[in-house]
């Protein structure tokens, strides 16, 4: 068996509108793992989530891989997993089924209000950076531009609709769910059975990367954090 075959191949899927640079601080031991980064593709007109996931699977070039998805990317990898043989399926800052969506999203789904979200506003990120005043606002604007680069309107409309209307009544078995207890998009009070990151927000893949660098190898290998290590969380 070659060294390449001995490696565990880990594929990362970013969150809605984000590019793979959100994983730039994530480091896995190179003698055990090979990291691969997926990017959003533009959906076809009225494309189903199932069809989109099958197209994304074409970018997975290895067998028995680990799939890791953040936020809406977590939904995508769950759909991808339905037609792949995986070593591990991990979602971060995401949901496993409709019951884990916050009430406001379920309300938006039932009323159709999600259609009123002006996705064209994403086009103003560059403009926002130019007019930003103050160091904090300028830094935030720069981050938006750096990480939220997928601004195609068909993609954004499709992504919001498929997130809010995701038809998943029951969680798949074997999902490893990592979630922050300060997540403002998907509040943890709706999230059962997860590895909890204390103080973790919805963007903890960026600002709590040290936690992931410390525990992700163990989670990939065993699907959990050993009791003796939880005290260090």
C-alpha atoms as a PDB file:
ATOM      1  CA  UNK A   1       0.000   0.000   0.000  1.00  0.00           C
ATOM      2  CA  UNK A   2       1.395   3.393  -1.006  1.00  0.00           C
ATOM      3  CA  UNK A   3       1.710   6.321   1.370  1.00  0.00           C
ATOM      4  CA  UNK A   4      -1.058   8.076  -0.595  1.00  0.00           C
ATOM      5  CA  UNK A   5      -3.441   5.165  -0.026  1.00  0.00           C
ATOM      6  CA  UNK A   6      -2.700   5.112   3.693  1.00  0.00           C
ATOM      7  CA  UNK A   7      -3.805   8.714   4.102  1.00  0.00           C
ATOM      8  CA  UNK A   8      -7.332   9.591   5.188  1.00  0.00           C
ATOM      9  CA  UNK A   9      -8.802  11.953   2.613  1.00  0.00           C
ATOM     10  CA  UNK A  10     -10.847  14.753   4.175  1.00  0.00           C
ATOM     11  CA  UNK A  11     -13.115  16.900   2.006  1.00  0.00           C
ATOM     12  CA  UNK A  12     -14.323  20.259   3.319  1.00  0.00           C
ATOM     13  CA  UNK A  13     -17.481  22.082   2.131  1.00  0.00           C
ATOM     14  CA  UNK A  14     -17.850  25.775   3.091  1.00  0.00           C
ATOM     15  CA  UNK A  15     -21.016  27.547   4.246  1.00  0.00           C
ATOM     16  CA  UNK A  16     -23.519  29.487   2.195  1.00  0.00           C
ATOM     17  CA  UNK A  17     -21.903  32.036  -0.147  1.00  0.00           C
ATOM     18  CA  UNK A  18     -18.506  31.268   1.395  1.00  0.00           C
ATOM     19  CA  UNK A  19     -15.418  29.977  -0.372  1.00  0.00           C
ATOM     20  CA  UNK A  20     -12.962  27.401   0.902  1.00  0.00           C
ATOM     21  CA  UNK A  21     -10.691  30.054   2.430  1.00  0.00           C
ATOM     22  CA  UNK A  22     -12.813  29.754   5.592  1.00  0.00           C
ATOM     23  CA  UNK A  23     -10.708  26.636   6.261  1.00  0.00           C
ATOM     24  CA  UNK A  24      -7.376  28.428   5.817  1.00  0.00           C
ATOM     25  CA  UNK A  25      -6.467  28.089   9.509  1.00  0.00           C
ATOM     26  CA  UNK A  26      -7.428  24.424   9.809  1.00  0.00           C
ATOM     27  CA  UNK A  27      -4.392  22.139   9.969  1.00  0.00           C
ATOM     28  CA  UNK A  28      -4.416  18.346  10.138  1.00  0.00           C
ATOM     29  CA  UNK A  29      -1.336  16.150  10.621  1.00  0.00           C
ATOM     30  CA  UNK A  30      -0.013  15.582   7.102  1.00  0.00           C
ATOM     31  CA  UNK A  31       1.238  12.100   7.917  1.00  0.00           C
ATOM     32  CA  UNK A  32      -2.340  10.928   8.581  1.00  0.00           C
ATOM     33  CA  UNK A  33      -4.642  13.183   6.569  1.00  0.00           C
ATOM     34  CA  UNK A  34      -4.921  14.754   3.136  1.00  0.00           C
ATOM     35  CA  UNK A  35      -7.145  17.842   2.983  1.00  0.00           C
ATOM     36  CA  UNK A  36      -9.294  18.667  -0.060  1.00  0.00           C
ATOM     37  CA  UNK A  37     -11.487  21.732  -0.464  1.00  0.00           C
ATOM     38  CA  UNK A  38     -14.783  21.801  -2.326  1.00  0.00           C
ATOM     39  CA  UNK A  39     -16.232  24.988  -3.809  1.00  0.00           C
ATOM     40  CA  UNK A  40     -19.800  25.953  -4.640  1.00  0.00           C
ATOM     41  CA  UNK A  41     -20.906  25.393  -8.212  1.00  0.00           C
ATOM     42  CA  UNK A  42     -23.738  27.411  -9.741  1.00  0.00           C
ATOM     43  CA  UNK A  43     -27.000  25.436  -9.624  1.00  0.00           C
ATOM     44  CA  UNK A  44     -28.946  24.761 -12.772  1.00  0.00           C
ATOM     45  CA  UNK A  45     -32.316  26.443 -13.144  1.00  0.00           C
ATOM     46  CA  UNK A  46     -34.760  24.941 -10.612  1.00  0.00           C
ATOM     47  CA  UNK A  47     -32.220  22.230  -9.744  1.00  0.00           C
ATOM     48  CA  UNK A  48     -33.135  19.901  -6.905  1.00  0.00           C
ATOM     49  CA  UNK A  49     -30.892  19.455  -3.887  1.00  0.00           C
ATOM     50  CA  UNK A  50     -30.476  15.782  -4.812  1.00  0.00           C
ATOM     51  CA  UNK A  51     -29.309  16.636  -8.332  1.00  0.00           C
ATOM     52  CA  UNK A  52     -26.929  19.289  -7.023  1.00  0.00           C
ATOM     53  CA  UNK A  53     -25.436  16.861  -4.487  1.00  0.00           C
ATOM     54  CA  UNK A  54     -24.848  14.272  -7.210  1.00  0.00           C
ATOM     55  CA  UNK A  55     -22.974  16.867  -9.281  1.00  0.00           C
ATOM     56  CA  UNK A  56     -20.869  17.791  -6.242  1.00  0.00           C
ATOM     57  CA  UNK A  57     -19.986  14.130  -5.736  1.00  0.00           C
ATOM     58  CA  UNK A  58     -18.044  14.216  -9.009  1.00  0.00           C
ATOM     59  CA  UNK A  59     -15.431  16.324  -7.220  1.00  0.00           C
ATOM     60  CA  UNK A  60     -14.825  13.613  -4.610  1.00  0.00           C
ATOM     61  CA  UNK A  61     -11.956  11.675  -6.169  1.00  0.00           C
ATOM     62  CA  UNK A  62     -11.241   9.090  -3.458  1.00  0.00           C
ATOM     63  CA  UNK A  63     -12.984   6.196  -1.709  1.00  0.00           C
ATOM     64  CA  UNK A  64     -13.973   5.985   1.956  1.00  0.00           C
ATOM     65  CA  UNK A  65     -13.455   9.692   2.540  1.00  0.00           C
ATOM     66  CA  UNK A  66     -14.399  12.019   5.372  1.00  0.00           C
ATOM     67  CA  UNK A  67     -16.895  14.730   4.428  1.00  0.00           C
ATOM     68  CA  UNK A  68     -17.022  17.876   6.548  1.00  0.00           C
ATOM     69  CA  UNK A  69     -19.573  20.626   5.883  1.00  0.00           C
ATOM     70  CA  UNK A  70     -20.174  23.971   7.575  1.00  0.00           C
ATOM     71  CA  UNK A  71     -23.652  25.526   7.946  1.00  0.00           C
ATOM     72  CA  UNK A  72     -25.550  25.071   4.635  1.00  0.00           C
ATOM     73  CA  UNK A  73     -22.487  23.172   3.475  1.00  0.00           C
ATOM     74  CA  UNK A  74     -23.417  20.715   6.239  1.00  0.00           C
ATOM     75  CA  UNK A  75     -26.768  20.172   4.545  1.00  0.00           C
ATOM     76  CA  UNK A  76     -25.044  19.628   1.206  1.00  0.00           C
ATOM     77  CA  UNK A  77     -22.638  16.985   2.544  1.00  0.00           C
ATOM     78  CA  UNK A  78     -25.559  15.129   4.141  1.00  0.00           C
ATOM     79  CA  UNK A  79     -27.215  14.963   0.723  1.00  0.00           C
ATOM     80  CA  UNK A  80     -23.924  13.969  -0.917  1.00  0.00           C
ATOM     81  CA  UNK A  81     -23.461  11.192   1.635  1.00  0.00           C
ATOM     82  CA  UNK A  82     -26.617   9.424   0.432  1.00  0.00           C
ATOM     83  CA  UNK A  83     -24.750   8.151  -2.626  1.00  0.00           C
ATOM     84  CA  UNK A  84     -21.206   7.819  -1.251  1.00  0.00           C
ATOM     85  CA  UNK A  85     -19.446   5.296   0.957  1.00  0.00           C
ATOM     86  CA  UNK A  86     -17.872   7.414   3.687  1.00  0.00           C
ATOM     87  CA  UNK A  87     -15.486   6.881   6.537  1.00  0.00           C
ATOM     88  CA  UNK A  88     -17.079   9.725   8.469  1.00  0.00           C
ATOM     89  CA  UNK A  89     -19.705  12.449   7.965  1.00  0.00           C
ATOM     90  CA  UNK A  90     -19.141  15.578  10.060  1.00  0.00           C
ATOM     91  CA  UNK A  91     -21.205  18.760  10.140  1.00  0.00           C
ATOM     92  CA  UNK A  92     -20.214  22.006  11.853  1.00  0.00           C
ATOM     93  CA  UNK A  93     -22.555  24.869  12.830  1.00  0.00           C
ATOM     94  CA  UNK A  94     -25.353  23.171  10.901  1.00  0.00           C
ATOM     95  CA  UNK A  95     -28.509  21.078  11.376  1.00  0.00           C
ATOM     96  CA  UNK A  96     -29.315  17.381  10.935  1.00  0.00           C
ATOM     97  CA  UNK A  97     -33.058  17.689  10.116  1.00  0.00           C
ATOM     98  CA  UNK A  98     -35.911  20.204   9.897  1.00  0.00           C
ATOM     99  CA  UNK A  99     -36.685  20.001  13.619  1.00  0.00           C
ATOM    100  CA  UNK A 100     -33.299  21.581  14.344  1.00  0.00           C
ATOM    101  CA  UNK A 101     -34.083  24.683  12.286  1.00  0.00           C
ATOM    102  CA  UNK A 102     -34.946  27.729  14.409  1.00  0.00           C
ATOM    103  CA  UNK A 103     -38.612  28.767  14.528  1.00  0.00           C
ATOM    104  CA  UNK A 104     -38.014  31.853  12.405  1.00  0.00           C
ATOM    105  CA  UNK A 105     -36.742  29.699   9.537  1.00  0.00           C
ATOM    106  CA  UNK A 106     -39.643  27.287   9.809  1.00  0.00           C
ATOM    107  CA  UNK A 107     -42.010  30.253   9.842  1.00  0.00           C
ATOM    108  CA  UNK A 108     -40.293  31.723   6.780  1.00  0.00           C
ATOM    109  CA  UNK A 109     -40.730  28.362   5.056  1.00  0.00           C
ATOM    110  CA  UNK A 110     -44.430  28.061   5.879  1.00  0.00           C
ATOM    111  CA  UNK A 111     -45.234  31.639   4.814  1.00  0.00           C
ATOM    112  CA  UNK A 112     -42.887  31.957   1.854  1.00  0.00           C
ATOM    113  CA  UNK A 113     -41.256  35.030   3.419  1.00  0.00           C
ATOM    114  CA  UNK A 114     -37.795  33.710   2.528  1.00  0.00           C
ATOM    115  CA  UNK A 115     -38.540  34.790  -1.057  1.00  0.00           C
ATOM    116  CA  UNK A 116     -38.451  38.422   0.088  1.00  0.00           C
ATOM    117  CA  UNK A 117     -34.799  38.301   1.176  1.00  0.00           C
ATOM    118  CA  UNK A 118     -32.953  40.725  -1.177  1.00  0.00           C
ATOM    119  CA  UNK A 119     -30.071  38.492  -2.227  1.00  0.00           C
ATOM    120  CA  UNK A 120     -28.866  41.162  -4.636  1.00  0.00           C
ATOM    121  CA  UNK A 121     -27.571  43.015  -1.568  1.00  0.00           C
ATOM    122  CA  UNK A 122     -24.603  40.627  -1.582  1.00  0.00           C
ATOM    123  CA  UNK A 123     -23.407  42.583  -4.622  1.00  0.00           C
ATOM    124  CA  UNK A 124     -22.821  45.575  -2.380  1.00  0.00           C
ATOM    125  CA  UNK A 125     -20.097  43.923  -0.293  1.00  0.00           C
ATOM    126  CA  UNK A 126     -17.353  45.592  -2.326  1.00  0.00           C
ATOM    127  CA  UNK A 127     -19.100  48.952  -2.075  1.00  0.00           C
ATOM    128  CA  UNK A 128     -19.577  48.488   1.667  1.00  0.00           C
ATOM    129  CA  UNK A 129     -15.829  47.995   2.116  1.00  0.00           C
ATOM    130  CA  UNK A 130     -15.088  51.246   0.281  1.00  0.00           C
ATOM    131  CA  UNK A 131     -17.435  53.371   2.410  1.00  0.00           C
ATOM    132  CA  UNK A 132     -16.763  51.637   5.759  1.00  0.00           C
ATOM    133  CA  UNK A 133     -15.745  53.984   8.555  1.00  0.00           C
ATOM    134  CA  UNK A 134     -13.774  52.919  11.616  1.00  0.00           C
ATOM    135  CA  UNK A 135     -11.246  50.134  12.087  1.00  0.00           C
ATOM    136  CA  UNK A 136     -13.769  47.529  13.296  1.00  0.00           C
ATOM    137  CA  UNK A 137     -16.229  48.148  10.443  1.00  0.00           C
ATOM    138  CA  UNK A 138     -13.427  48.155   7.877  1.00  0.00           C
ATOM    139  CA  UNK A 139     -12.109  44.858   9.228  1.00  0.00           C
ATOM    140  CA  UNK A 140     -15.589  43.306   9.144  1.00  0.00           C
ATOM    141  CA  UNK A 141     -16.144  44.511   5.574  1.00  0.00           C
ATOM    142  CA  UNK A 142     -12.809  43.063   4.504  1.00  0.00           C
ATOM    143  CA  UNK A 143     -13.727  39.704   6.050  1.00  0.00           C
ATOM    144  CA  UNK A 144     -17.066  39.678   4.229  1.00  0.00           C
ATOM    145  CA  UNK A 145     -15.327  40.322   0.936  1.00  0.00           C
ATOM    146  CA  UNK A 146     -12.643  37.704   1.581  1.00  0.00           C
ATOM    147  CA  UNK A 147     -14.859  34.832   2.683  1.00  0.00           C
ATOM    148  CA  UNK A 148     -18.298  35.542   1.159  1.00  0.00           C
ATOM    149  CA  UNK A 149     -17.288  35.633  -2.467  1.00  0.00           C
ATOM    150  CA  UNK A 150     -20.039  33.497  -4.053  1.00  0.00           C
ATOM    151  CA  UNK A 151     -22.534  36.198  -5.030  1.00  0.00           C
ATOM    152  CA  UNK A 152     -24.228  34.758  -8.081  1.00  0.00           C
ATOM    153  CA  UNK A 153     -27.903  35.590  -7.609  1.00  0.00           C
ATOM    154  CA  UNK A 154     -29.221  32.274  -8.948  1.00  0.00           C
ATOM    155  CA  UNK A 155     -26.989  30.468  -6.456  1.00  0.00           C
ATOM    156  CA  UNK A 156     -28.033  32.701  -3.533  1.00  0.00           C
ATOM    157  CA  UNK A 157     -31.756  32.408  -4.272  1.00  0.00           C
ATOM    158  CA  UNK A 158     -31.379  28.637  -4.660  1.00  0.00           C
ATOM    159  CA  UNK A 159     -29.291  28.247  -1.486  1.00  0.00           C
ATOM    160  CA  UNK A 160     -31.663  30.226   0.740  1.00  0.00           C
ATOM    161  CA  UNK A 161     -34.707  28.382  -0.592  1.00  0.00           C
ATOM    162  CA  UNK A 162     -33.115  24.943  -0.158  1.00  0.00           C
ATOM    163  CA  UNK A 163     -31.864  25.750   3.337  1.00  0.00           C
ATOM    164  CA  UNK A 164     -35.255  26.960   4.553  1.00  0.00           C
ATOM    165  CA  UNK A 165     -37.274  24.286   2.739  1.00  0.00           C
ATOM    166  CA  UNK A 166     -34.867  21.381   3.323  1.00  0.00           C
ATOM    167  CA  UNK A 167     -37.024  18.263   3.310  1.00  0.00           C
ATOM    168  CA  UNK A 168     -35.371  16.160   5.992  1.00  0.00           C
ATOM    169  CA  UNK A 169     -37.736  14.847   8.642  1.00  0.00           C
ATOM    170  CA  UNK A 170     -35.241  12.612  10.436  1.00  0.00           C
ATOM    171  CA  UNK A 171     -31.487  12.837  10.958  1.00  0.00           C
ATOM    172  CA  UNK A 172     -29.262  10.299   9.222  1.00  0.00           C
ATOM    173  CA  UNK A 173     -27.540   7.819  11.494  1.00  0.00           C
ATOM    174  CA  UNK A 174     -23.879   8.245  12.289  1.00  0.00           C
ATOM    175  CA  UNK A 175     -23.553  11.994  11.718  1.00  0.00           C
ATOM    176  CA  UNK A 176     -20.972  13.692  13.930  1.00  0.00           C
ATOM    177  CA  UNK A 177     -22.326  17.139  14.748  1.00  0.00           C
ATOM    178  CA  UNK A 178     -20.049  19.873  16.151  1.00  0.00           C
ATOM    179  CA  UNK A 179     -21.903  22.949  17.365  1.00  0.00           C
ATOM    180  CA  UNK A 180     -21.150  26.115  19.296  1.00  0.00           C
ATOM    181  CA  UNK A 181     -23.259  26.994  22.333  1.00  0.00           C
ATOM    182  CA  UNK A 182     -23.329  30.642  21.162  1.00  0.00           C
ATOM    183  CA  UNK A 183     -24.450  29.935  17.581  1.00  0.00           C
ATOM    184  CA  UNK A 184     -26.823  32.758  16.657  1.00  0.00           C
ATOM    185  CA  UNK A 185     -28.022  31.274  13.347  1.00  0.00           C
ATOM    186  CA  UNK A 186     -28.860  27.773  14.586  1.00  0.00           C
ATOM    187  CA  UNK A 187     -29.361  28.112  18.375  1.00  0.00           C
ATOM    188  CA  UNK A 188     -28.105  25.118  20.284  1.00  0.00           C
ATOM    189  CA  UNK A 189     -31.407  24.773  22.171  1.00  0.00           C
ATOM    190  CA  UNK A 190     -32.761  23.124  19.009  1.00  0.00           C
ATOM    191  CA  UNK A 191     -29.701  20.871  18.546  1.00  0.00           C
ATOM    192  CA  UNK A 192     -29.657  17.475  20.311  1.00  0.00           C
ATOM    193  CA  UNK A 193     -26.728  15.078  20.266  1.00  0.00           C
ATOM    194  CA  UNK A 194     -23.746  17.192  19.339  1.00  0.00           C
ATOM    195  CA  UNK A 195     -20.178  17.853  20.396  1.00  0.00           C
ATOM    196  CA  UNK A 196     -20.508  21.265  22.029  1.00  0.00           C
ATOM    197  CA  UNK A 197     -17.863  23.937  21.640  1.00  0.00           C
ATOM    198  CA  UNK A 198     -18.095  26.322  24.587  1.00  0.00           C
ATOM    199  CA  UNK A 199     -18.318  29.911  23.412  1.00  0.00           C
ATOM    200  CA  UNK A 200     -18.455  28.797  19.792  1.00  0.00           C
ATOM    201  CA  UNK A 201     -20.463  31.009  17.407  1.00  0.00           C
ATOM    202  CA  UNK A 202     -21.693  30.346  13.887  1.00  0.00           C
ATOM    203  CA  UNK A 203     -18.288  31.380  12.505  1.00  0.00           C
ATOM    204  CA  UNK A 204     -16.232  29.326  14.944  1.00  0.00           C
ATOM    205  CA  UNK A 205     -14.485  27.532  12.058  1.00  0.00           C
ATOM    206  CA  UNK A 206     -12.646  30.863  11.700  1.00  0.00           C
ATOM    207  CA  UNK A 207     -12.287  32.226  15.208  1.00  0.00           C
ATOM    208  CA  UNK A 208     -12.009  28.932  17.129  1.00  0.00           C
ATOM    209  CA  UNK A 209      -9.717  27.176  14.677  1.00  0.00           C
ATOM    210  CA  UNK A 210      -7.317  26.190  17.463  1.00  0.00           C
ATOM    211  CA  UNK A 211     -10.090  24.047  18.974  1.00  0.00           C
ATOM    212  CA  UNK A 212     -10.594  22.289  15.648  1.00  0.00           C
ATOM    213  CA  UNK A 213      -6.877  21.787  15.087  1.00  0.00           C
ATOM    214  CA  UNK A 214      -6.673  20.164  18.499  1.00  0.00           C
ATOM    215  CA  UNK A 215      -9.736  17.909  18.404  1.00  0.00           C
ATOM    216  CA  UNK A 216     -10.628  17.323  14.746  1.00  0.00           C
ATOM    217  CA  UNK A 217      -8.068  14.526  14.184  1.00  0.00           C
ATOM    218  CA  UNK A 218      -9.524  12.590  17.131  1.00  0.00           C
ATOM    219  CA  UNK A 219     -13.102  13.254  15.977  1.00  0.00           C
ATOM    220  CA  UNK A 220     -12.288  12.074  12.441  1.00  0.00           C
ATOM    221  CA  UNK A 221     -10.730   8.849  13.730  1.00  0.00           C
ATOM    222  CA  UNK A 222     -13.210   7.931  16.473  1.00  0.00           C
ATOM    223  CA  UNK A 223     -16.283  10.107  15.905  1.00  0.00           C
ATOM    224  CA  UNK A 224     -16.007  11.643  19.358  1.00  0.00           C
ATOM    225  CA  UNK A 225     -13.784  13.306  21.933  1.00  0.00           C
ATOM    226  CA  UNK A 226     -12.596  10.986  24.668  1.00  0.00           C
ATOM    227  CA  UNK A 227     -13.866  11.793  28.160  1.00  0.00           C
ATOM    228  CA  UNK A 228     -10.366  12.569  29.427  1.00  0.00           C
ATOM    229  CA  UNK A 229     -10.003  15.239  26.752  1.00  0.00           C
ATOM    230  CA  UNK A 230     -13.438  16.868  27.188  1.00  0.00           C
ATOM    231  CA  UNK A 231     -12.189  18.696  30.275  1.00  0.00           C
ATOM    232  CA  UNK A 232      -9.785  20.565  27.999  1.00  0.00           C
ATOM    233  CA  UNK A 233     -12.639  21.834  25.781  1.00  0.00           C
END
